[in-house]
Amino acid sequence: MRKPSSSPTSPSAPLPAQPFPIEQALDTLERELTRFTPPLIDQMGEVSQTPFRILIATILSLRTKDTLTAVVAPRLFAVADTPAAMLALGVERIAELIYPVGFYRVKARQIVAICQILLERYGGEVPSDLDELLKLPGVGRKTANLVVTAGFGLPGICVDIHVHRICNRWGYVQTRTPEETEMALRARLPQRYWTPINRLLVTLGQNICHPTSPRCSICPIRDLCPRIGVTRSR
């Protein structure tokens, strides 16, 4: 018989005796992570990019490093940065412009399909409603929430694998999937932290709180973290 999983994302994993001090942790990270480069989409949001650019850049960034997306997205937007202009390029030209992002041919088809829908149903504008965004091809909850928060400045919680992993490592949530983590955070996390939590935990996850052998010795919240599921660290 298989033994119950001891993974930090398993419901059987014990939570810390004391609730994790989420506000203290996030406030500390806000102060201490400024030496690291924030995620690309957050950088774009800070310079008032259009919701359409945020949407397309987020799609390009899926399974692609930010360093590559930062080169490819401006190259595409220099040629077309509206649904009508993008649609006029066609799938093959878009694929050429976004190569070599991951799954570039699939993404080129998704971009064309999205632009068609935006023109036909939304007057060429990106909707700000989460449920409407989720109707677009290739748009999952992570992408939709990023458009809502970075593109429109509205409340939302974007949960990627970093946010999911770290929140479980802290014991703040006890979930199996990023979507479960999003729902748990919506129920518990003070709303003023909804938008910044993705930027902070992605930055932390990329630079310090790695999936294996996290760099706990330089982590600014090492004294707060219960390190659930961590068996080896630096």
C-alpha atoms as a PDB file:
ATOM      1  CA  MET A   1       0.000   0.000   0.000  1.00  0.00           C
ATOM      2  CA  ARG A   2       1.318   3.441  -0.905  1.00  0.00           C
ATOM      3  CA  LYS A   3       2.163   5.731   1.974  1.00  0.00           C
ATOM      4  CA  PRO A   4       0.332   9.077   2.179  1.00  0.00           C
ATOM      5  CA  SER A   5       2.215  11.839   0.394  1.00  0.00           C
ATOM      6  CA  SER A   6       4.230  14.204   2.578  1.00  0.00           C
ATOM      7  CA  SER A   7       4.316  16.870  -0.151  1.00  0.00           C
ATOM      8  CA  PRO A   8       3.646  20.418   1.091  1.00  0.00           C
ATOM      9  CA  THR A   9       0.794  20.598  -1.433  1.00  0.00           C
ATOM     10  CA  SER A  10      -0.890  17.505  -0.007  1.00  0.00           C
ATOM     11  CA  PRO A  11      -3.898  17.942   2.318  1.00  0.00           C
ATOM     12  CA  SER A  12      -2.197  15.529   4.733  1.00  0.00           C
ATOM     13  CA  ALA A  13       0.811  17.814   5.245  1.00  0.00           C
ATOM     14  CA  PRO A  14       0.622  19.442   8.702  1.00  0.00           C
ATOM     15  CA  LEU A  15       0.315  23.196   8.991  1.00  0.00           C
ATOM     16  CA  PRO A  16       2.576  25.158  11.367  1.00  0.00           C
ATOM     17  CA  ALA A  17       1.389  25.525  14.953  1.00  0.00           C
ATOM     18  CA  GLN A  18       1.146  29.314  14.524  1.00  0.00           C
ATOM     19  CA  PRO A  19      -0.463  31.052  11.526  1.00  0.00           C
ATOM     20  CA  PHE A  20       2.092  32.309   9.028  1.00  0.00           C
ATOM     21  CA  PRO A  21       2.548  36.105   9.405  1.00  0.00           C
ATOM     22  CA  ILE A  22       1.703  36.879   5.785  1.00  0.00           C
ATOM     23  CA  GLU A  23       1.529  40.657   6.147  1.00  0.00           C
ATOM     24  CA  GLN A  24       4.907  40.870   7.882  1.00  0.00           C
ATOM     25  CA  ALA A  25       6.442  38.589   5.243  1.00  0.00           C
ATOM     26  CA  LEU A  26       5.098  40.519   2.253  1.00  0.00           C
ATOM     27  CA  ASP A  27       5.977  43.900   3.752  1.00  0.00           C
ATOM     28  CA  THR A  28       9.527  42.656   4.335  1.00  0.00           C
ATOM     29  CA  LEU A  29       9.807  41.316   0.796  1.00  0.00           C
ATOM     30  CA  GLU A  30       8.559  44.627  -0.589  1.00  0.00           C
ATOM     31  CA  ARG A  31      11.463  46.374   1.130  1.00  0.00           C
ATOM     32  CA  GLU A  32      14.174  43.786   0.575  1.00  0.00           C
ATOM     33  CA  LEU A  33      13.674  42.517  -2.991  1.00  0.00           C
ATOM     34  CA  THR A  34      14.311  45.818  -4.756  1.00  0.00           C
ATOM     35  CA  ARG A  35      17.809  44.643  -5.740  1.00  0.00           C
ATOM     36  CA  PHE A  36      16.285  42.005  -8.034  1.00  0.00           C
ATOM     37  CA  THR A  37      14.645  42.617 -11.404  1.00  0.00           C
ATOM     38  CA  PRO A  38      10.853  42.239 -11.186  1.00  0.00           C
ATOM     39  CA  PRO A  39       8.939  39.980 -13.610  1.00  0.00           C
ATOM     40  CA  LEU A  40       8.600  41.355 -17.140  1.00  0.00           C
ATOM     41  CA  ILE A  41       4.835  41.865 -17.129  1.00  0.00           C
ATOM     42  CA  ASP A  42       5.065  43.884 -13.909  1.00  0.00           C
ATOM     43  CA  GLN A  43       7.715  46.041 -15.556  1.00  0.00           C
ATOM     44  CA  MET A  44       5.365  46.604 -18.491  1.00  0.00           C
ATOM     45  CA  GLY A  45       2.516  47.518 -16.162  1.00  0.00           C
ATOM     46  CA  GLU A  46       4.694  50.105 -14.455  1.00  0.00           C
ATOM     47  CA  VAL A  47       5.288  51.966 -17.744  1.00  0.00           C
ATOM     48  CA  SER A  48       1.594  52.126 -18.659  1.00  0.00           C
ATOM     49  CA  GLN A  49       1.520  49.633 -21.489  1.00  0.00           C
ATOM     50  CA  THR A  50      -1.891  49.003 -23.053  1.00  0.00           C
ATOM     51  CA  PRO A  51      -4.012  46.061 -21.881  1.00  0.00           C
ATOM     52  CA  PHE A  52      -3.620  44.569 -25.366  1.00  0.00           C
ATOM     53  CA  ARG A  53       0.163  44.609 -25.099  1.00  0.00           C
ATOM     54  CA  ILE A  54      -0.021  43.118 -21.604  1.00  0.00           C
ATOM     55  CA  LEU A  55      -2.299  40.350 -22.902  1.00  0.00           C
ATOM     56  CA  ILE A  56      -0.112  39.446 -25.870  1.00  0.00           C
ATOM     57  CA  ALA A  57       3.147  39.697 -23.912  1.00  0.00           C
ATOM     58  CA  THR A  58       1.739  37.424 -21.226  1.00  0.00           C
ATOM     59  CA  ILE A  59       0.812  34.815 -23.823  1.00  0.00           C
ATOM     60  CA  LEU A  60       4.316  35.052 -25.297  1.00  0.00           C
ATOM     61  CA  SER A  61       5.861  34.647 -21.839  1.00  0.00           C
ATOM     62  CA  LEU A  62       4.204  31.306 -21.085  1.00  0.00           C
ATOM     63  CA  ARG A  63       6.926  28.621 -20.904  1.00  0.00           C
ATOM     64  CA  THR A  64       9.423  31.238 -22.057  1.00  0.00           C
ATOM     65  CA  LYS A  65      12.071  33.081 -20.054  1.00  0.00           C
ATOM     66  CA  ASP A  66      11.477  36.751 -19.368  1.00  0.00           C
ATOM     67  CA  THR A  67      14.819  37.604 -20.963  1.00  0.00           C
ATOM     68  CA  LEU A  68      13.606  36.207 -24.290  1.00  0.00           C
ATOM     69  CA  THR A  69      10.104  37.652 -24.026  1.00  0.00           C
ATOM     70  CA  ALA A  70      11.671  41.062 -23.348  1.00  0.00           C
ATOM     71  CA  VAL A  71      13.305  40.865 -26.792  1.00  0.00           C
ATOM     72  CA  VAL A  72      10.489  39.257 -28.763  1.00  0.00           C
ATOM     73  CA  ALA A  73       7.504  41.275 -27.489  1.00  0.00           C
ATOM     74  CA  PRO A  74       8.921  44.704 -28.475  1.00  0.00           C
ATOM     75  CA  ARG A  75       9.900  43.267 -31.869  1.00  0.00           C
ATOM     76  CA  LEU A  76       6.302  42.205 -32.463  1.00  0.00           C
ATOM     77  CA  PHE A  77       4.790  45.437 -31.112  1.00  0.00           C
ATOM     78  CA  ALA A  78       7.069  47.531 -33.342  1.00  0.00           C
ATOM     79  CA  VAL A  79       5.215  46.013 -36.296  1.00  0.00           C
ATOM     80  CA  ALA A  80       1.693  45.699 -34.837  1.00  0.00           C
ATOM     81  CA  ASP A  81       0.248  46.626 -31.454  1.00  0.00           C
ATOM     82  CA  THR A  82      -3.513  46.648 -32.029  1.00  0.00           C
ATOM     83  CA  PRO A  83      -5.884  43.752 -32.777  1.00  0.00           C
ATOM     84  CA  ALA A  84      -6.539  45.007 -36.307  1.00  0.00           C
ATOM     85  CA  ALA A  85      -2.869  45.477 -37.137  1.00  0.00           C
ATOM     86  CA  MET A  86      -1.979  42.102 -35.622  1.00  0.00           C
ATOM     87  CA  LEU A  87      -4.731  40.353 -37.562  1.00  0.00           C
ATOM     88  CA  ALA A  88      -3.458  41.905 -40.785  1.00  0.00           C
ATOM     89  CA  LEU A  89      -0.066  40.281 -40.253  1.00  0.00           C
ATOM     90  CA  GLY A  90      -1.456  36.741 -40.327  1.00  0.00           C
ATOM     91  CA  VAL A  91      -0.281  33.624 -38.552  1.00  0.00           C
ATOM     92  CA  GLU A  92       2.928  33.017 -40.507  1.00  0.00           C
ATOM     93  CA  ARG A  93       4.274  36.555 -40.132  1.00  0.00           C
ATOM     94  CA  ILE A  94       3.470  36.616 -36.404  1.00  0.00           C
ATOM     95  CA  ALA A  95       5.211  33.250 -36.000  1.00  0.00           C
ATOM     96  CA  GLU A  96       8.319  34.684 -37.690  1.00  0.00           C
ATOM     97  CA  LEU A  97       8.320  37.727 -35.424  1.00  0.00           C
ATOM     98  CA  ILE A  98       7.875  35.816 -32.148  1.00  0.00           C
ATOM     99  CA  TYR A  99      10.341  33.011 -32.883  1.00  0.00           C
ATOM    100  CA  PRO A 100      11.956  31.443 -30.815  1.00  0.00           C
ATOM    101  CA  VAL A 101       9.499  31.724 -27.894  1.00  0.00           C
ATOM    102  CA  GLY A 102       8.161  28.400 -26.693  1.00  0.00           C
ATOM    103  CA  PHE A 103       5.368  26.972 -28.889  1.00  0.00           C
ATOM    104  CA  TYR A 104       5.635  29.986 -31.185  1.00  0.00           C
ATOM    105  CA  ARG A 105       3.420  28.530 -33.932  1.00  0.00           C
ATOM    106  CA  VAL A 106       0.668  27.649 -31.458  1.00  0.00           C
ATOM    107  CA  LYS A 107       0.922  31.103 -29.914  1.00  0.00           C
ATOM    108  CA  ALA A 108       0.760  32.772 -33.338  1.00  0.00           C
ATOM    109  CA  ARG A 109      -2.529  30.987 -34.031  1.00  0.00           C
ATOM    110  CA  GLN A 110      -3.853  31.938 -30.596  1.00  0.00           C
ATOM    111  CA  ILE A 111      -2.934  35.593 -31.127  1.00  0.00           C
ATOM    112  CA  VAL A 112      -4.798  35.690 -34.453  1.00  0.00           C
ATOM    113  CA  ALA A 113      -7.840  34.003 -32.905  1.00  0.00           C
ATOM    114  CA  ILE A 114      -7.798  36.427 -29.960  1.00  0.00           C
ATOM    115  CA  CYS A 115      -7.603  39.437 -32.276  1.00  0.00           C
ATOM    116  CA  GLN A 116     -10.542  38.181 -34.327  1.00  0.00           C
ATOM    117  CA  ILE A 117     -12.648  37.784 -31.187  1.00  0.00           C
ATOM    118  CA  LEU A 118     -11.638  41.179 -29.800  1.00  0.00           C
ATOM    119  CA  LEU A 119     -12.696  42.854 -33.046  1.00  0.00           C
ATOM    120  CA  GLU A 120     -15.920  40.883 -33.460  1.00  0.00           C
ATOM    121  CA  ARG A 121     -17.190  40.873 -29.872  1.00  0.00           C
ATOM    122  CA  TYR A 122     -15.470  43.663 -27.969  1.00  0.00           C
ATOM    123  CA  GLY A 123     -15.033  46.487 -30.466  1.00  0.00           C
ATOM    124  CA  GLY A 124     -11.297  45.869 -30.652  1.00  0.00           C
ATOM    125  CA  GLU A 125     -10.832  46.434 -26.917  1.00  0.00           C
ATOM    126  CA  VAL A 126      -9.517  43.974 -24.337  1.00  0.00           C
ATOM    127  CA  PRO A 127     -12.211  43.271 -21.731  1.00  0.00           C
ATOM    128  CA  SER A 128     -11.356  44.037 -18.126  1.00  0.00           C
ATOM    129  CA  ASP A 129     -13.679  41.335 -16.760  1.00  0.00           C
ATOM    130  CA  LEU A 130     -11.925  38.147 -15.641  1.00  0.00           C
ATOM    131  CA  ASP A 131     -14.648  35.817 -16.921  1.00  0.00           C
ATOM    132  CA  GLU A 132     -14.642  37.476 -20.339  1.00  0.00           C
ATOM    133  CA  LEU A 133     -10.862  37.220 -20.573  1.00  0.00           C
ATOM    134  CA  LEU A 134     -11.056  33.512 -19.783  1.00  0.00           C
ATOM    135  CA  LYS A 135     -13.161  33.016 -22.923  1.00  0.00           C
ATOM    136  CA  LEU A 136     -10.225  34.022 -25.133  1.00  0.00           C
ATOM    137  CA  PRO A 137      -8.112  31.227 -26.723  1.00  0.00           C
ATOM    138  CA  GLY A 138      -5.023  30.325 -24.715  1.00  0.00           C
ATOM    139  CA  VAL A 139      -5.977  32.560 -21.790  1.00  0.00           C
ATOM    140  CA  GLY A 140      -5.936  30.817 -18.424  1.00  0.00           C
ATOM    141  CA  ARG A 141      -6.412  32.258 -14.963  1.00  0.00           C
ATOM    142  CA  LYS A 142      -2.777  33.348 -14.628  1.00  0.00           C
ATOM    143  CA  THR A 143      -2.898  35.340 -17.870  1.00  0.00           C
ATOM    144  CA  ALA A 144      -6.359  36.762 -17.176  1.00  0.00           C
ATOM    145  CA  ASN A 145      -5.396  37.947 -13.705  1.00  0.00           C
ATOM    146  CA  LEU A 146      -2.218  39.577 -15.022  1.00  0.00           C
ATOM    147  CA  VAL A 147      -4.224  41.514 -17.594  1.00  0.00           C
ATOM    148  CA  VAL A 148      -6.690  42.607 -14.915  1.00  0.00           C
ATOM    149  CA  THR A 149      -3.968  43.747 -12.521  1.00  0.00           C
ATOM    150  CA  ALA A 150      -1.121  44.967 -14.761  1.00  0.00           C
ATOM    151  CA  GLY A 151      -3.276  46.058 -17.689  1.00  0.00           C
ATOM    152  CA  PHE A 152      -6.203  47.692 -15.903  1.00  0.00           C
ATOM    153  CA  GLY A 153      -4.931  48.257 -12.355  1.00  0.00           C
ATOM    154  CA  LEU A 154      -7.871  46.327 -10.909  1.00  0.00           C
ATOM    155  CA  PRO A 155      -7.809  43.873  -7.982  1.00  0.00           C
ATOM    156  CA  GLY A 156      -6.812  40.339  -8.879  1.00  0.00           C
ATOM    157  CA  ILE A 157      -4.568  37.530  -7.701  1.00  0.00           C
ATOM    158  CA  CYS A 158      -2.225  36.042 -10.270  1.00  0.00           C
ATOM    159  CA  VAL A 159      -0.966  32.648  -9.133  1.00  0.00           C
ATOM    160  CA  ASP A 160       1.814  30.944 -11.036  1.00  0.00           C
ATOM    161  CA  ILE A 161       3.947  28.027  -9.898  1.00  0.00           C
ATOM    162  CA  HIS A 162       6.137  30.277  -7.718  1.00  0.00           C
ATOM    163  CA  VAL A 163       3.188  31.718  -5.797  1.00  0.00           C
ATOM    164  CA  HIS A 164       1.653  28.263  -5.450  1.00  0.00           C
ATOM    165  CA  ARG A 165       4.869  26.644  -4.220  1.00  0.00           C
ATOM    166  CA  ILE A 166       5.921  29.372  -1.797  1.00  0.00           C
ATOM    167  CA  CYS A 167       2.509  29.850  -0.196  1.00  0.00           C
ATOM    168  CA  ASN A 168       2.438  26.110   0.515  1.00  0.00           C
ATOM    169  CA  ARG A 169       6.048  26.172   1.726  1.00  0.00           C
ATOM    170  CA  TRP A 170       5.026  28.890   4.168  1.00  0.00           C
ATOM    171  CA  GLY A 171       2.009  26.863   5.280  1.00  0.00           C
ATOM    172  CA  TYR A 172      -0.243  29.818   4.507  1.00  0.00           C
ATOM    173  CA  VAL A 173      -2.318  27.581   2.225  1.00  0.00           C
ATOM    174  CA  GLN A 174      -2.551  23.847   1.784  1.00  0.00           C
ATOM    175  CA  THR A 175      -3.457  23.284  -1.850  1.00  0.00           C
ATOM    176  CA  ARG A 176      -2.702  21.001  -4.787  1.00  0.00           C
ATOM    177  CA  THR A 177      -2.950  23.346  -7.774  1.00  0.00           C
ATOM    178  CA  PRO A 178      -2.355  27.031  -8.593  1.00  0.00           C
ATOM    179  CA  GLU A 179      -6.094  27.509  -9.109  1.00  0.00           C
ATOM    180  CA  GLU A 180      -6.818  26.124  -5.631  1.00  0.00           C
ATOM    181  CA  THR A 181      -4.155  28.481  -4.285  1.00  0.00           C
ATOM    182  CA  GLU A 182      -5.780  31.449  -5.998  1.00  0.00           C
ATOM    183  CA  MET A 183      -9.139  30.638  -4.442  1.00  0.00           C
ATOM    184  CA  ALA A 184      -7.574  30.121  -1.002  1.00  0.00           C
ATOM    185  CA  LEU A 185      -5.777  33.467  -1.264  1.00  0.00           C
ATOM    186  CA  ARG A 186      -8.949  35.235  -2.363  1.00  0.00           C
ATOM    187  CA  ALA A 187     -10.598  33.942   0.801  1.00  0.00           C
ATOM    188  CA  ARG A 188      -7.741  34.789   3.211  1.00  0.00           C
ATOM    189  CA  LEU A 189      -5.298  37.341   1.867  1.00  0.00           C
ATOM    190  CA  PRO A 190      -5.969  41.032   2.676  1.00  0.00           C
ATOM    191  CA  GLN A 191      -6.942  42.695  -0.603  1.00  0.00           C
ATOM    192  CA  ARG A 192      -4.136  45.247  -0.495  1.00  0.00           C
ATOM    193  CA  TYR A 193      -1.718  42.357  -1.146  1.00  0.00           C
ATOM    194  CA  TRP A 194      -3.660  40.786  -4.023  1.00  0.00           C
ATOM    195  CA  THR A 195      -1.808  42.558  -6.817  1.00  0.00           C
ATOM    196  CA  PRO A 196       1.750  42.670  -5.404  1.00  0.00           C
ATOM    197  CA  ILE A 197       1.896  39.049  -4.190  1.00  0.00           C
ATOM    198  CA  ASN A 198       2.645  37.725  -7.662  1.00  0.00           C
ATOM    199  CA  ARG A 199       5.455  40.193  -8.308  1.00  0.00           C
ATOM    200  CA  LEU A 200       6.988  39.553  -4.893  1.00  0.00           C
ATOM    201  CA  LEU A 201       6.793  35.764  -4.905  1.00  0.00           C
ATOM    202  CA  VAL A 202       7.873  35.364  -8.527  1.00  0.00           C
ATOM    203  CA  THR A 203      10.909  37.530  -7.754  1.00  0.00           C
ATOM    204  CA  LEU A 204      11.564  35.542  -4.580  1.00  0.00           C
ATOM    205  CA  GLY A 205      11.067  32.214  -6.355  1.00  0.00           C
ATOM    206  CA  GLN A 206      13.309  33.043  -9.292  1.00  0.00           C
ATOM    207  CA  ASN A 207      16.183  34.344  -7.184  1.00  0.00           C
ATOM    208  CA  ILE A 208      16.035  32.754  -3.722  1.00  0.00           C
ATOM    209  CA  CYS A 209      13.178  30.360  -2.963  1.00  0.00           C
ATOM    210  CA  HIS A 210      13.954  27.770  -5.627  1.00  0.00           C
ATOM    211  CA  PRO A 211      11.936  24.535  -5.936  1.00  0.00           C
ATOM    212  CA  THR A 212      14.918  22.478  -4.776  1.00  0.00           C
ATOM    213  CA  SER A 213      17.738  23.664  -2.535  1.00  0.00           C
ATOM    214  CA  PRO A 214      16.371  27.159  -1.844  1.00  0.00           C
ATOM    215  CA  ARG A 215      18.890  29.810  -0.789  1.00  0.00           C
ATOM    216  CA  CYS A 216      17.509  30.130   2.723  1.00  0.00           C
ATOM    217  CA  SER A 217      20.721  31.675   4.070  1.00  0.00           C
ATOM    218  CA  ILE A 218      20.090  34.919   2.134  1.00  0.00           C
ATOM    219  CA  CYS A 219      16.297  34.950   2.340  1.00  0.00           C
ATOM    220  CA  PRO A 220      14.999  38.138   4.007  1.00  0.00           C
ATOM    221  CA  ILE A 221      12.203  36.200   5.734  1.00  0.00           C
ATOM    222  CA  ARG A 222      14.178  33.099   6.746  1.00  0.00           C
ATOM    223  CA  ASP A 223      13.260  33.641  10.410  1.00  0.00           C
ATOM    224  CA  LEU A 224       9.540  33.578   9.578  1.00  0.00           C
ATOM    225  CA  CYS A 225       9.462  30.645   7.164  1.00  0.00           C
ATOM    226  CA  PRO A 226       8.632  27.139   8.478  1.00  0.00           C
ATOM    227  CA  ARG A 227      10.189  25.640   5.300  1.00  0.00           C
ATOM    228  CA  ILE A 228       7.484  23.013   4.847  1.00  0.00           C
ATOM    229  CA  GLY A 229       8.707  20.266   2.546  1.00  0.00           C
ATOM    230  CA  VAL A 230      12.278  21.672   2.327  1.00  0.00           C
ATOM    231  CA  THR A 231      14.785  18.874   2.797  1.00  0.00           C
ATOM    232  CA  ARG A 232      17.874  20.619   1.455  1.00  0.00           C
ATOM    233  CA  SER A 233      18.811  24.301   1.396  1.00  0.00           C
ATOM    234  CA  ARG A 234      21.770  26.618   0.985  1.00  0.00           C
END
